[in-house]
Amino acid sequence: MAQMEEALSARVTAQFAESAKLKLDASQSLAGPIARAAALLAQTLRNGGKVMACGNGGSAADAQHFAAELINRFEIERAPLAAVALTTDSSTLTSIANDYAYQQVFSKQVRALGRSGDALLAISTSGNSGNVMEAMNAAHDLGVRVIALTGNGGGKMGAMLSGEDVHICVPHKRTARIQEVHLLTLHCLCDGIDFQLSGAAA
């Protein structure tokens, strides 16, 4: 039992070390794209637009987390900000998946809710999520700017972005590590939005 606990403790320490190293190493390359994304989002919200967010699995949870931070609050008191997670309406998701295709569960919502001047946060650790890519296509058709939050080289999503979009690509291949940096990135975006709209960070 003692040997097993020692081995598990070593694995935990290694996980922490790898995560911390990635965050520090990536901070230099990601600071610019995250700052540009925060500026895009603040401009969208300041101009009366809304932020839509989507992803699958853990990325769906991240989309919901981000929308909640905008609608409710992050670290300072402020007015609610317009955001919607496209991952939460079970009736909409299942009806689209059943009647059409799972690939369209986000794109149909973007086409229904999106307007020129809005922004879409498209999250995929691989950069190859088909339904997220369809949402990006719908966004571009409507004049909705895209922030792609990816990893593993950016996948197919990276090649889909226009010059007005922003790509935040975590330089790692392991899904767990990418997701950990995604969460930190979302918190940086929230802080950046609040800083711009309120004039001071928390």
N, C-alpha and C. Protein backbone atom coordinates (compact mmCIF):
# COMPACT_ATOMS: atom_id res chain seq x y z
N MET A 1 0.83 -1.21 0.00
CA MET A 1 0.00 0.00 0.00
C MET A 1 0.87 1.26 0.00
N ALA A 2 1.92 1.26 0.80
CA ALA A 2 2.80 2.42 0.87
C ALA A 2 3.48 2.68 -0.46
N GLN A 3 3.89 1.59 -1.14
CA GLN A 3 4.54 1.74 -2.43
C GLN A 3 3.56 2.31 -3.46
N MET A 4 2.30 1.83 -3.41
CA MET A 4 1.29 2.33 -4.33
C MET A 4 1.03 3.81 -4.10
N GLU A 5 0.92 4.22 -2.83
CA GLU A 5 0.69 5.63 -2.53
C GLU A 5 1.86 6.48 -2.99
N GLU A 6 3.07 5.97 -2.83
CA GLU A 6 4.25 6.70 -3.27
C GLU A 6 4.25 6.86 -4.79
N ALA A 7 3.88 5.77 -5.49
CA ALA A 7 3.84 5.82 -6.94
C ALA A 7 2.77 6.80 -7.43
N LEU A 8 1.60 6.78 -6.77
CA LEU A 8 0.53 7.70 -7.15
C LEU A 8 0.92 9.15 -6.87
N SER A 9 1.56 9.36 -5.73
CA SER A 9 2.01 10.71 -5.40
C SER A 9 3.00 11.24 -6.44
N ALA A 10 3.88 10.36 -6.91
CA ALA A 10 4.85 10.75 -7.93
C ALA A 10 4.14 11.12 -9.23
N ARG A 11 3.09 10.38 -9.57
CA ARG A 11 2.32 10.68 -10.78
C ARG A 11 1.62 12.03 -10.65
N VAL A 12 1.07 12.30 -9.48
CA VAL A 12 0.40 13.58 -9.25
C VAL A 12 1.40 14.73 -9.40
N THR A 13 2.55 14.57 -8.79
CA THR A 13 3.58 15.60 -8.87
C THR A 13 3.99 15.84 -10.32
N ALA A 14 4.11 14.76 -11.08
CA ALA A 14 4.49 14.88 -12.50
C ALA A 14 3.41 15.61 -13.29
N GLN A 15 2.15 15.34 -12.98
CA GLN A 15 1.05 16.03 -13.67
C GLN A 15 1.10 17.53 -13.39
N PHE A 16 1.28 17.89 -12.12
CA PHE A 16 1.38 19.30 -11.76
C PHE A 16 2.55 19.96 -12.48
N ALA A 17 3.69 19.28 -12.49
CA ALA A 17 4.89 19.85 -13.09
C ALA A 17 4.70 20.07 -14.59
N GLU A 18 4.11 19.09 -15.27
CA GLU A 18 3.91 19.23 -16.71
C GLU A 18 2.94 20.36 -17.02
N SER A 19 1.86 20.45 -16.23
CA SER A 19 0.87 21.50 -16.44
C SER A 19 1.49 22.88 -16.20
N ALA A 20 2.23 23.02 -15.11
CA ALA A 20 2.85 24.30 -14.79
C ALA A 20 3.87 24.72 -15.85
N LYS A 21 4.66 23.76 -16.32
CA LYS A 21 5.66 24.07 -17.34
C LYS A 21 5.00 24.53 -18.63
N LEU A 22 3.93 23.85 -19.03
CA LEU A 22 3.23 24.23 -20.26
C LEU A 22 2.67 25.63 -20.14
N LYS A 23 2.05 25.95 -19.01
CA LYS A 23 1.46 27.28 -18.83
C LYS A 23 2.53 28.36 -18.93
N LEU A 24 3.66 28.14 -18.29
CA LEU A 24 4.73 29.14 -18.33
C LEU A 24 5.34 29.24 -19.72
N ASP A 25 5.57 28.10 -20.36
CA ASP A 25 6.16 28.11 -21.70
C ASP A 25 5.22 28.77 -22.71
N ALA A 26 3.91 28.50 -22.56
CA ALA A 26 2.93 29.00 -23.54
C ALA A 26 2.58 30.47 -23.31
N SER A 27 2.89 31.00 -22.15
CA SER A 27 2.47 32.36 -21.84
C SER A 27 3.03 33.37 -22.84
N GLN A 28 4.22 33.15 -23.32
CA GLN A 28 4.83 34.08 -24.27
C GLN A 28 4.13 34.03 -25.63
N SER A 29 3.89 32.83 -26.14
CA SER A 29 3.30 32.71 -27.47
C SER A 29 1.80 33.00 -27.47
N LEU A 30 1.12 32.81 -26.36
CA LEU A 30 -0.33 32.98 -26.32
C LEU A 30 -0.77 34.35 -25.84
N ALA A 31 0.12 35.12 -25.21
CA ALA A 31 -0.28 36.42 -24.67
C ALA A 31 -0.85 37.32 -25.76
N GLY A 32 -0.22 37.37 -26.91
CA GLY A 32 -0.68 38.22 -28.00
C GLY A 32 -2.06 37.82 -28.52
N PRO A 33 -2.24 36.55 -28.91
CA PRO A 33 -3.55 36.13 -29.39
C PRO A 33 -4.66 36.28 -28.35
N ILE A 34 -4.35 36.01 -27.09
CA ILE A 34 -5.38 36.17 -26.04
C ILE A 34 -5.75 37.64 -25.89
N ALA A 35 -4.76 38.52 -25.95
CA ALA A 35 -5.04 39.96 -25.86
C ALA A 35 -5.89 40.42 -27.04
N ARG A 36 -5.59 39.92 -28.25
CA ARG A 36 -6.40 40.29 -29.42
C ARG A 36 -7.82 39.76 -29.28
N ALA A 37 -7.95 38.56 -28.77
CA ALA A 37 -9.29 37.98 -28.58
C ALA A 37 -10.07 38.78 -27.54
N ALA A 38 -9.43 39.19 -26.46
CA ALA A 38 -10.10 39.97 -25.43
C ALA A 38 -10.56 41.31 -26.00
N ALA A 39 -9.73 41.91 -26.85
CA ALA A 39 -10.11 43.18 -27.48
C ALA A 39 -11.30 42.99 -28.41
N LEU A 40 -11.29 41.91 -29.18
CA LEU A 40 -12.41 41.62 -30.08
C LEU A 40 -13.70 41.42 -29.29
N LEU A 41 -13.63 40.67 -28.21
CA LEU A 41 -14.82 40.39 -27.40
C LEU A 41 -15.35 41.65 -26.73
N ALA A 42 -14.46 42.47 -26.20
CA ALA A 42 -14.89 43.71 -25.55
C ALA A 42 -15.55 44.64 -26.57
N GLN A 43 -14.97 44.72 -27.77
CA GLN A 43 -15.56 45.54 -28.82
C GLN A 43 -16.94 45.02 -29.20
N THR A 44 -17.07 43.71 -29.32
CA THR A 44 -18.36 43.10 -29.64
C THR A 44 -19.41 43.48 -28.61
N LEU A 45 -19.08 43.32 -27.35
CA LEU A 45 -20.03 43.60 -26.27
C LEU A 45 -20.31 45.10 -26.15
N ARG A 46 -19.30 45.92 -26.32
CA ARG A 46 -19.47 47.37 -26.22
C ARG A 46 -20.41 47.88 -27.31
N ASN A 47 -20.37 47.23 -28.48
CA ASN A 47 -21.19 47.64 -29.61
C ASN A 47 -22.58 47.00 -29.62
N GLY A 48 -22.94 46.31 -28.55
CA GLY A 48 -24.26 45.72 -28.46
C GLY A 48 -24.38 44.32 -29.03
N GLY A 49 -23.26 43.71 -29.38
CA GLY A 49 -23.29 42.34 -29.89
C GLY A 49 -23.25 41.33 -28.75
N LYS A 50 -23.29 40.07 -29.12
CA LYS A 50 -23.25 39.00 -28.12
C LYS A 50 -22.14 38.02 -28.47
N VAL A 51 -21.79 37.22 -27.48
CA VAL A 51 -20.77 36.19 -27.65
C VAL A 51 -21.45 34.84 -27.57
N MET A 52 -21.26 34.01 -28.60
CA MET A 52 -21.73 32.63 -28.60
C MET A 52 -20.53 31.73 -28.40
N ALA A 53 -20.73 30.60 -27.71
CA ALA A 53 -19.62 29.69 -27.46
C ALA A 53 -20.07 28.25 -27.66
N CYS A 54 -19.19 27.43 -28.22
CA CYS A 54 -19.55 26.03 -28.43
C CYS A 54 -18.33 25.14 -28.38
N GLY A 55 -18.56 23.86 -28.13
CA GLY A 55 -17.53 22.85 -28.07
C GLY A 55 -18.16 21.54 -27.64
N ASN A 56 -17.40 20.47 -27.65
CA ASN A 56 -17.88 19.14 -27.29
C ASN A 56 -17.19 18.63 -26.03
N GLY A 57 -17.91 17.85 -25.23
CA GLY A 57 -17.30 17.24 -24.05
C GLY A 57 -16.80 18.28 -23.07
N GLY A 58 -15.52 18.17 -22.71
CA GLY A 58 -14.93 19.15 -21.80
C GLY A 58 -14.99 20.55 -22.36
N SER A 59 -14.91 20.67 -23.68
CA SER A 59 -14.99 21.99 -24.32
C SER A 59 -16.40 22.55 -24.24
N ALA A 60 -17.41 21.68 -24.18
CA ALA A 60 -18.78 22.14 -23.95
C ALA A 60 -18.90 22.75 -22.56
N ALA A 61 -18.28 22.09 -21.59
CA ALA A 61 -18.27 22.63 -20.23
C ALA A 61 -17.56 23.97 -20.18
N ASP A 62 -16.46 24.10 -20.94
CA ASP A 62 -15.74 25.37 -20.99
C ASP A 62 -16.61 26.46 -21.61
N ALA A 63 -17.37 26.12 -22.65
CA ALA A 63 -18.26 27.09 -23.28
C ALA A 63 -19.29 27.60 -22.28
N GLN A 64 -19.87 26.67 -21.51
CA GLN A 64 -20.85 27.05 -20.51
C GLN A 64 -20.21 27.90 -19.40
N HIS A 65 -19.04 27.50 -18.98
CA HIS A 65 -18.31 28.23 -17.94
C HIS A 65 -18.09 29.67 -18.39
N PHE A 66 -17.61 29.85 -19.61
CA PHE A 66 -17.32 31.18 -20.12
C PHE A 66 -18.57 32.04 -20.21
N ALA A 67 -19.65 31.47 -20.73
CA ALA A 67 -20.90 32.22 -20.84
C ALA A 67 -21.40 32.64 -19.45
N ALA A 68 -21.27 31.75 -18.48
CA ALA A 68 -21.72 32.07 -17.12
C ALA A 68 -20.91 33.21 -16.52
N GLU A 69 -19.60 33.22 -16.78
CA GLU A 69 -18.76 34.29 -16.24
C GLU A 69 -19.15 35.64 -16.83
N LEU A 70 -19.58 35.67 -18.10
CA LEU A 70 -19.97 36.93 -18.72
C LEU A 70 -21.36 37.37 -18.25
N ILE A 71 -22.29 36.44 -18.24
CA ILE A 71 -23.66 36.81 -17.87
C ILE A 71 -23.75 37.19 -16.39
N ASN A 72 -23.09 36.44 -15.54
CA ASN A 72 -23.16 36.70 -14.11
C ASN A 72 -22.07 37.69 -13.71
N ARG A 73 -20.89 37.20 -13.44
CA ARG A 73 -19.75 38.05 -13.10
C ARG A 73 -18.50 37.19 -13.09
N PHE A 74 -17.35 37.87 -13.23
CA PHE A 74 -16.08 37.18 -13.08
C PHE A 74 -15.51 37.55 -11.71
N GLU A 75 -14.73 38.62 -11.62
CA GLU A 75 -14.14 38.99 -10.33
C GLU A 75 -14.51 40.40 -9.87
N ILE A 76 -15.20 41.16 -10.68
CA ILE A 76 -15.64 42.49 -10.26
C ILE A 76 -17.14 42.62 -10.51
N GLU A 77 -17.76 43.53 -9.79
CA GLU A 77 -19.18 43.80 -10.00
C GLU A 77 -19.36 44.63 -11.27
N ARG A 78 -20.26 44.19 -12.13
CA ARG A 78 -20.55 44.91 -13.37
C ARG A 78 -21.88 44.44 -13.89
N ALA A 79 -22.37 45.12 -14.92
CA ALA A 79 -23.63 44.72 -15.55
C ALA A 79 -23.45 43.38 -16.25
N PRO A 80 -24.52 42.61 -16.39
CA PRO A 80 -24.44 41.35 -17.14
C PRO A 80 -24.03 41.60 -18.59
N LEU A 81 -23.27 40.69 -19.15
CA LEU A 81 -22.81 40.79 -20.53
C LEU A 81 -23.48 39.71 -21.38
N ALA A 82 -23.77 40.04 -22.63
CA ALA A 82 -24.56 39.16 -23.50
C ALA A 82 -23.73 37.97 -23.99
N ALA A 83 -24.07 36.79 -23.54
CA ALA A 83 -23.36 35.59 -23.94
C ALA A 83 -24.32 34.40 -23.92
N VAL A 84 -24.07 33.44 -24.78
CA VAL A 84 -24.90 32.24 -24.80
C VAL A 84 -24.02 31.04 -25.15
N ALA A 85 -24.14 29.98 -24.36
CA ALA A 85 -23.47 28.72 -24.67
C ALA A 85 -24.41 27.90 -25.55
N LEU A 86 -23.95 27.48 -26.70
CA LEU A 86 -24.78 26.72 -27.64
C LEU A 86 -24.81 25.24 -27.29
N THR A 87 -24.37 24.90 -26.10
CA THR A 87 -24.20 23.51 -25.68
C THR A 87 -25.22 23.07 -24.64
N THR A 88 -26.17 23.94 -24.29
CA THR A 88 -26.96 23.70 -23.07
C THR A 88 -28.41 23.33 -23.28
N ASP A 89 -28.98 23.64 -24.44
CA ASP A 89 -30.41 23.41 -24.68
C ASP A 89 -30.61 21.98 -25.21
N SER A 90 -30.96 21.07 -24.33
CA SER A 90 -31.03 19.66 -24.72
C SER A 90 -32.10 19.41 -25.78
N SER A 91 -33.20 20.12 -25.74
CA SER A 91 -34.24 19.92 -26.75
C SER A 91 -33.77 20.36 -28.13
N THR A 92 -33.12 21.51 -28.18
CA THR A 92 -32.59 21.99 -29.46
C THR A 92 -31.50 21.06 -29.98
N LEU A 93 -30.57 20.70 -29.12
CA LEU A 93 -29.46 19.84 -29.55
C LEU A 93 -29.95 18.49 -30.07
N THR A 94 -30.86 17.86 -29.31
CA THR A 94 -31.30 16.53 -29.70
C THR A 94 -32.23 16.56 -30.90
N SER A 95 -33.03 17.60 -31.05
CA SER A 95 -33.91 17.66 -32.21
C SER A 95 -33.11 17.85 -33.49
N ILE A 96 -32.09 18.72 -33.44
CA ILE A 96 -31.25 18.91 -34.62
C ILE A 96 -30.48 17.63 -34.95
N ALA A 97 -29.90 17.01 -33.92
CA ALA A 97 -29.14 15.78 -34.14
C ALA A 97 -30.03 14.68 -34.70
N ASN A 98 -31.27 14.60 -34.22
CA ASN A 98 -32.19 13.55 -34.65
C ASN A 98 -32.76 13.81 -36.04
N ASP A 99 -33.17 15.05 -36.29
CA ASP A 99 -33.85 15.37 -37.55
C ASP A 99 -32.89 15.63 -38.70
N TYR A 100 -31.70 16.12 -38.38
CA TYR A 100 -30.73 16.46 -39.42
C TYR A 100 -29.43 15.69 -39.20
N ALA A 101 -28.50 16.28 -38.45
CA ALA A 101 -27.22 15.62 -38.20
C ALA A 101 -26.54 16.28 -37.02
N TYR A 102 -25.74 15.49 -36.31
CA TYR A 102 -25.02 16.05 -35.17
C TYR A 102 -24.07 17.15 -35.61
N GLN A 103 -23.62 17.08 -36.85
CA GLN A 103 -22.71 18.11 -37.37
C GLN A 103 -23.36 19.50 -37.34
N GLN A 104 -24.68 19.57 -37.30
CA GLN A 104 -25.38 20.85 -37.41
C GLN A 104 -25.88 21.39 -36.07
N VAL A 105 -25.57 20.71 -34.97
CA VAL A 105 -26.17 21.12 -33.69
C VAL A 105 -25.78 22.54 -33.27
N PHE A 106 -24.61 23.00 -33.68
CA PHE A 106 -24.19 24.36 -33.34
C PHE A 106 -24.46 25.33 -34.49
N SER A 107 -24.24 24.88 -35.72
CA SER A 107 -24.39 25.80 -36.85
C SER A 107 -25.81 26.30 -37.01
N LYS A 108 -26.81 25.44 -36.76
CA LYS A 108 -28.20 25.90 -36.85
C LYS A 108 -28.49 26.96 -35.80
N GLN A 109 -27.93 26.80 -34.62
CA GLN A 109 -28.12 27.81 -33.59
C GLN A 109 -27.44 29.12 -33.96
N VAL A 110 -26.25 29.04 -34.54
CA VAL A 110 -25.55 30.25 -34.97
C VAL A 110 -26.38 30.98 -36.03
N ARG A 111 -26.93 30.22 -36.97
CA ARG A 111 -27.73 30.84 -38.02
C ARG A 111 -29.01 31.46 -37.47
N ALA A 112 -29.55 30.88 -36.41
CA ALA A 112 -30.77 31.41 -35.81
C ALA A 112 -30.50 32.63 -34.93
N LEU A 113 -29.41 32.59 -34.19
CA LEU A 113 -29.16 33.60 -33.16
C LEU A 113 -28.11 34.63 -33.55
N GLY A 114 -27.21 34.26 -34.45
CA GLY A 114 -26.09 35.13 -34.78
C GLY A 114 -26.46 36.29 -35.67
N ARG A 115 -25.80 37.41 -35.45
CA ARG A 115 -25.97 38.62 -36.26
C ARG A 115 -24.59 39.21 -36.54
N SER A 116 -24.48 39.92 -37.64
CA SER A 116 -23.23 40.60 -37.94
C SER A 116 -22.84 41.48 -36.76
N GLY A 117 -21.60 41.38 -36.33
CA GLY A 117 -21.15 42.12 -35.16
C GLY A 117 -21.05 41.28 -33.91
N ASP A 118 -21.60 40.05 -33.96
CA ASP A 118 -21.45 39.12 -32.85
C ASP A 118 -20.10 38.43 -32.94
N ALA A 119 -19.79 37.60 -31.95
CA ALA A 119 -18.55 36.82 -31.95
C ALA A 119 -18.86 35.38 -31.56
N LEU A 120 -18.12 34.46 -32.12
CA LEU A 120 -18.24 33.03 -31.80
C LEU A 120 -16.93 32.55 -31.21
N LEU A 121 -17.00 31.96 -30.01
CA LEU A 121 -15.85 31.29 -29.41
C LEU A 121 -15.99 29.81 -29.73
N ALA A 122 -15.14 29.32 -30.62
CA ALA A 122 -15.19 27.94 -31.10
C ALA A 122 -14.07 27.14 -30.42
N ILE A 123 -14.45 26.17 -29.59
CA ILE A 123 -13.47 25.47 -28.77
C ILE A 123 -13.33 24.01 -29.21
N SER A 124 -12.10 23.59 -29.46
CA SER A 124 -11.82 22.20 -29.81
C SER A 124 -10.36 21.91 -29.50
N THR A 125 -10.10 20.93 -28.64
CA THR A 125 -8.71 20.63 -28.30
C THR A 125 -7.93 20.11 -29.50
N SER A 126 -8.60 19.39 -30.40
CA SER A 126 -7.94 18.84 -31.58
C SER A 126 -7.92 19.81 -32.74
N GLY A 127 -8.88 20.74 -32.75
CA GLY A 127 -9.05 21.63 -33.90
C GLY A 127 -9.75 20.96 -35.05
N ASN A 128 -10.33 19.79 -34.83
CA ASN A 128 -10.95 19.03 -35.91
C ASN A 128 -12.40 18.63 -35.63
N SER A 129 -13.06 19.30 -34.70
CA SER A 129 -14.44 18.95 -34.38
C SER A 129 -15.37 19.41 -35.50
N GLY A 130 -16.03 18.45 -36.15
CA GLY A 130 -16.84 18.77 -37.32
C GLY A 130 -17.96 19.74 -37.05
N ASN A 131 -18.67 19.55 -35.94
CA ASN A 131 -19.79 20.44 -35.66
C ASN A 131 -19.33 21.85 -35.28
N VAL A 132 -18.15 21.97 -34.70
CA VAL A 132 -17.60 23.28 -34.39
C VAL A 132 -17.17 23.98 -35.69
N MET A 133 -16.61 23.22 -36.61
CA MET A 133 -16.23 23.80 -37.90
C MET A 133 -17.47 24.26 -38.67
N GLU A 134 -18.55 23.52 -38.59
CA GLU A 134 -19.79 23.96 -39.23
C GLU A 134 -20.30 25.25 -38.61
N ALA A 135 -20.15 25.38 -37.30
CA ALA A 135 -20.53 26.63 -36.63
C ALA A 135 -19.67 27.79 -37.13
N MET A 136 -18.39 27.54 -37.36
CA MET A 136 -17.51 28.57 -37.89
C MET A 136 -17.94 28.99 -39.29
N ASN A 137 -18.31 28.03 -40.11
CA ASN A 137 -18.79 28.35 -41.46
C ASN A 137 -20.04 29.23 -41.39
N ALA A 138 -20.96 28.87 -40.50
CA ALA A 138 -22.17 29.66 -40.34
C ALA A 138 -21.84 31.07 -39.87
N ALA A 139 -20.91 31.18 -38.94
CA ALA A 139 -20.51 32.48 -38.43
C ALA A 139 -19.95 33.36 -39.54
N HIS A 140 -19.08 32.79 -40.37
CA HIS A 140 -18.50 33.56 -41.47
C HIS A 140 -19.57 34.01 -42.45
N ASP A 141 -20.55 33.17 -42.70
CA ASP A 141 -21.64 33.54 -43.61
C ASP A 141 -22.42 34.75 -43.10
N LEU A 142 -22.49 34.89 -41.78
CA LEU A 142 -23.29 35.94 -41.17
C LEU A 142 -22.49 37.20 -40.80
N GLY A 143 -21.20 37.17 -40.99
CA GLY A 143 -20.37 38.30 -40.57
C GLY A 143 -20.06 38.27 -39.08
N VAL A 144 -20.10 37.08 -38.49
CA VAL A 144 -19.74 36.89 -37.08
C VAL A 144 -18.26 36.53 -37.00
N ARG A 145 -17.49 37.28 -36.24
CA ARG A 145 -16.07 36.99 -36.12
C ARG A 145 -15.84 35.80 -35.20
N VAL A 146 -14.79 35.06 -35.45
CA VAL A 146 -14.52 33.80 -34.76
C VAL A 146 -13.23 33.88 -33.95
N ILE A 147 -13.30 33.38 -32.73
CA ILE A 147 -12.11 33.12 -31.93
C ILE A 147 -12.03 31.61 -31.79
N ALA A 148 -11.00 31.01 -32.36
CA ALA A 148 -10.81 29.57 -32.29
C ALA A 148 -9.84 29.25 -31.15
N LEU A 149 -10.29 28.43 -30.22
CA LEU A 149 -9.47 28.01 -29.08
C LEU A 149 -9.16 26.54 -29.28
N THR A 150 -7.91 26.23 -29.67
CA THR A 150 -7.55 24.88 -30.07
C THR A 150 -6.27 24.43 -29.39
N GLY A 151 -5.74 23.32 -29.87
CA GLY A 151 -4.45 22.79 -29.46
C GLY A 151 -3.95 21.88 -30.56
N ASN A 152 -2.89 21.16 -30.30
CA ASN A 152 -2.42 20.13 -31.22
C ASN A 152 -2.19 20.66 -32.63
N GLY A 153 -1.65 21.88 -32.75
CA GLY A 153 -1.36 22.44 -34.06
C GLY A 153 -2.51 23.19 -34.71
N GLY A 154 -3.68 23.14 -34.10
CA GLY A 154 -4.83 23.88 -34.63
C GLY A 154 -5.74 23.09 -35.52
N GLY A 155 -5.28 21.95 -36.02
CA GLY A 155 -6.13 21.10 -36.86
C GLY A 155 -6.69 21.83 -38.06
N LYS A 156 -7.84 21.36 -38.53
CA LYS A 156 -8.48 21.96 -39.70
C LYS A 156 -9.05 23.34 -39.40
N MET A 157 -9.39 23.58 -38.13
CA MET A 157 -9.98 24.87 -37.78
C MET A 157 -9.02 26.02 -38.04
N GLY A 158 -7.74 25.80 -37.82
CA GLY A 158 -6.78 26.87 -38.02
C GLY A 158 -6.77 27.39 -39.44
N ALA A 159 -6.96 26.47 -40.40
CA ALA A 159 -6.94 26.86 -41.82
C ALA A 159 -8.23 27.56 -42.24
N MET A 160 -9.26 27.50 -41.41
CA MET A 160 -10.55 28.09 -41.76
C MET A 160 -10.66 29.55 -41.37
N LEU A 161 -9.74 30.05 -40.59
CA LEU A 161 -9.88 31.39 -40.03
C LEU A 161 -9.55 32.47 -41.04
N SER A 162 -10.28 33.58 -40.95
CA SER A 162 -10.02 34.73 -41.81
C SER A 162 -9.07 35.68 -41.10
N GLY A 163 -8.68 36.74 -41.79
CA GLY A 163 -7.77 37.70 -41.20
C GLY A 163 -8.35 38.47 -40.04
N GLU A 164 -9.68 38.49 -39.92
CA GLU A 164 -10.33 39.21 -38.83
C GLU A 164 -10.58 38.32 -37.61
N ASP A 165 -10.33 37.03 -37.76
CA ASP A 165 -10.52 36.08 -36.67
C ASP A 165 -9.26 36.01 -35.81
N VAL A 166 -9.37 35.29 -34.71
CA VAL A 166 -8.22 35.11 -33.80
C VAL A 166 -8.06 33.62 -33.50
N HIS A 167 -6.83 33.15 -33.56
CA HIS A 167 -6.54 31.74 -33.26
C HIS A 167 -5.68 31.67 -32.00
N ILE A 168 -6.19 31.00 -30.98
CA ILE A 168 -5.43 30.74 -29.75
C ILE A 168 -5.17 29.24 -29.72
N CYS A 169 -3.96 28.85 -30.07
CA CYS A 169 -3.63 27.43 -30.21
C CYS A 169 -2.60 27.01 -29.15
N VAL A 170 -3.02 26.16 -28.22
CA VAL A 170 -2.14 25.70 -27.16
C VAL A 170 -1.08 24.76 -27.75
N PRO A 171 0.20 25.02 -27.53
CA PRO A 171 1.27 24.22 -28.13
C PRO A 171 1.50 22.91 -27.39
N HIS A 172 0.54 22.02 -27.49
CA HIS A 172 0.66 20.72 -26.84
C HIS A 172 -0.26 19.73 -27.53
N LYS A 173 0.02 18.43 -27.38
CA LYS A 173 -0.80 17.40 -28.01
C LYS A 173 -1.70 16.66 -27.04
N ARG A 174 -1.41 16.75 -25.75
CA ARG A 174 -2.18 15.99 -24.76
C ARG A 174 -3.44 16.75 -24.38
N THR A 175 -4.59 16.08 -24.52
CA THR A 175 -5.88 16.75 -24.33
C THR A 175 -6.01 17.37 -22.94
N ALA A 176 -5.63 16.65 -21.91
CA ALA A 176 -5.77 17.16 -20.54
C ALA A 176 -5.00 18.46 -20.36
N ARG A 177 -3.77 18.50 -20.87
CA ARG A 177 -2.96 19.71 -20.73
C ARG A 177 -3.56 20.86 -21.54
N ILE A 178 -4.04 20.57 -22.74
CA ILE A 178 -4.66 21.60 -23.57
C ILE A 178 -5.87 22.18 -22.86
N GLN A 179 -6.71 21.32 -22.27
CA GLN A 179 -7.90 21.79 -21.58
C GLN A 179 -7.54 22.67 -20.39
N GLU A 180 -6.46 22.33 -19.70
CA GLU A 180 -6.05 23.14 -18.55
C GLU A 180 -5.65 24.55 -18.98
N VAL A 181 -4.96 24.65 -20.10
CA VAL A 181 -4.59 25.97 -20.61
C VAL A 181 -5.81 26.68 -21.18
N HIS A 182 -6.74 25.94 -21.76
CA HIS A 182 -7.98 26.55 -22.23
C HIS A 182 -8.71 27.26 -21.09
N LEU A 183 -8.79 26.60 -19.94
CA LEU A 183 -9.47 27.20 -18.80
C LEU A 183 -8.77 28.48 -18.36
N LEU A 184 -7.46 28.45 -18.27
CA LEU A 184 -6.72 29.64 -17.91
C LEU A 184 -6.94 30.74 -18.95
N THR A 185 -6.97 30.36 -20.21
CA THR A 185 -7.22 31.33 -21.29
C THR A 185 -8.58 31.99 -21.12
N LEU A 186 -9.60 31.21 -20.80
CA LEU A 186 -10.94 31.77 -20.60
C LEU A 186 -10.94 32.78 -19.45
N HIS A 187 -10.23 32.48 -18.39
CA HIS A 187 -10.15 33.41 -17.28
C HIS A 187 -9.38 34.68 -17.69
N CYS A 188 -8.36 34.53 -18.51
CA CYS A 188 -7.64 35.70 -19.03
C CYS A 188 -8.57 36.55 -19.90
N LEU A 189 -9.40 35.90 -20.70
CA LEU A 189 -10.35 36.64 -21.54
C LEU A 189 -11.34 37.40 -20.68
N CYS A 190 -11.87 36.74 -19.64
CA CYS A 190 -12.81 37.42 -18.74
C CYS A 190 -12.16 38.63 -18.08
N ASP A 191 -10.94 38.46 -17.61
CA ASP A 191 -10.22 39.56 -16.98
C ASP A 191 -9.99 40.69 -17.98
N GLY A 192 -9.60 40.32 -19.20
CA GLY A 192 -9.35 41.33 -20.22
C GLY A 192 -10.59 42.10 -20.61
N ILE A 193 -11.72 41.40 -20.70
CA ILE A 193 -12.99 42.06 -21.01
C ILE A 193 -13.36 43.02 -19.90
N ASP A 194 -13.29 42.57 -18.66
CA ASP A 194 -13.64 43.43 -17.53
C ASP A 194 -12.72 44.65 -17.46
N PHE A 195 -11.44 44.44 -17.71
CA PHE A 195 -10.47 45.54 -17.68
C PHE A 195 -10.85 46.61 -18.69
N GLN A 196 -11.24 46.18 -19.89
CA GLN A 196 -11.57 47.13 -20.95
C GLN A 196 -12.91 47.83 -20.73
N LEU A 197 -13.91 47.06 -20.28
CA LEU A 197 -15.24 47.63 -20.13
C LEU A 197 -15.40 48.42 -18.85
N SER A 198 -14.65 48.05 -17.83
CA SER A 198 -14.81 48.71 -16.53
C SER A 198 -13.67 49.67 -16.20
N GLY A 199 -12.59 49.56 -16.97
CA GLY A 199 -11.49 50.50 -16.76
C GLY A 199 -10.46 50.06 -15.76
N ALA A 200 -10.69 48.92 -15.10
CA ALA A 200 -9.71 48.44 -14.12
C ALA A 200 -9.90 46.95 -13.91
N ALA A 201 -8.83 46.25 -13.73
CA ALA A 201 -8.91 44.82 -13.44
C ALA A 201 -9.26 44.64 -11.97
N ALA A 202 -9.68 43.41 -11.64
CA ALA A 202 -10.03 43.12 -10.25
C ALA A 202 -8.80 43.19 -9.37
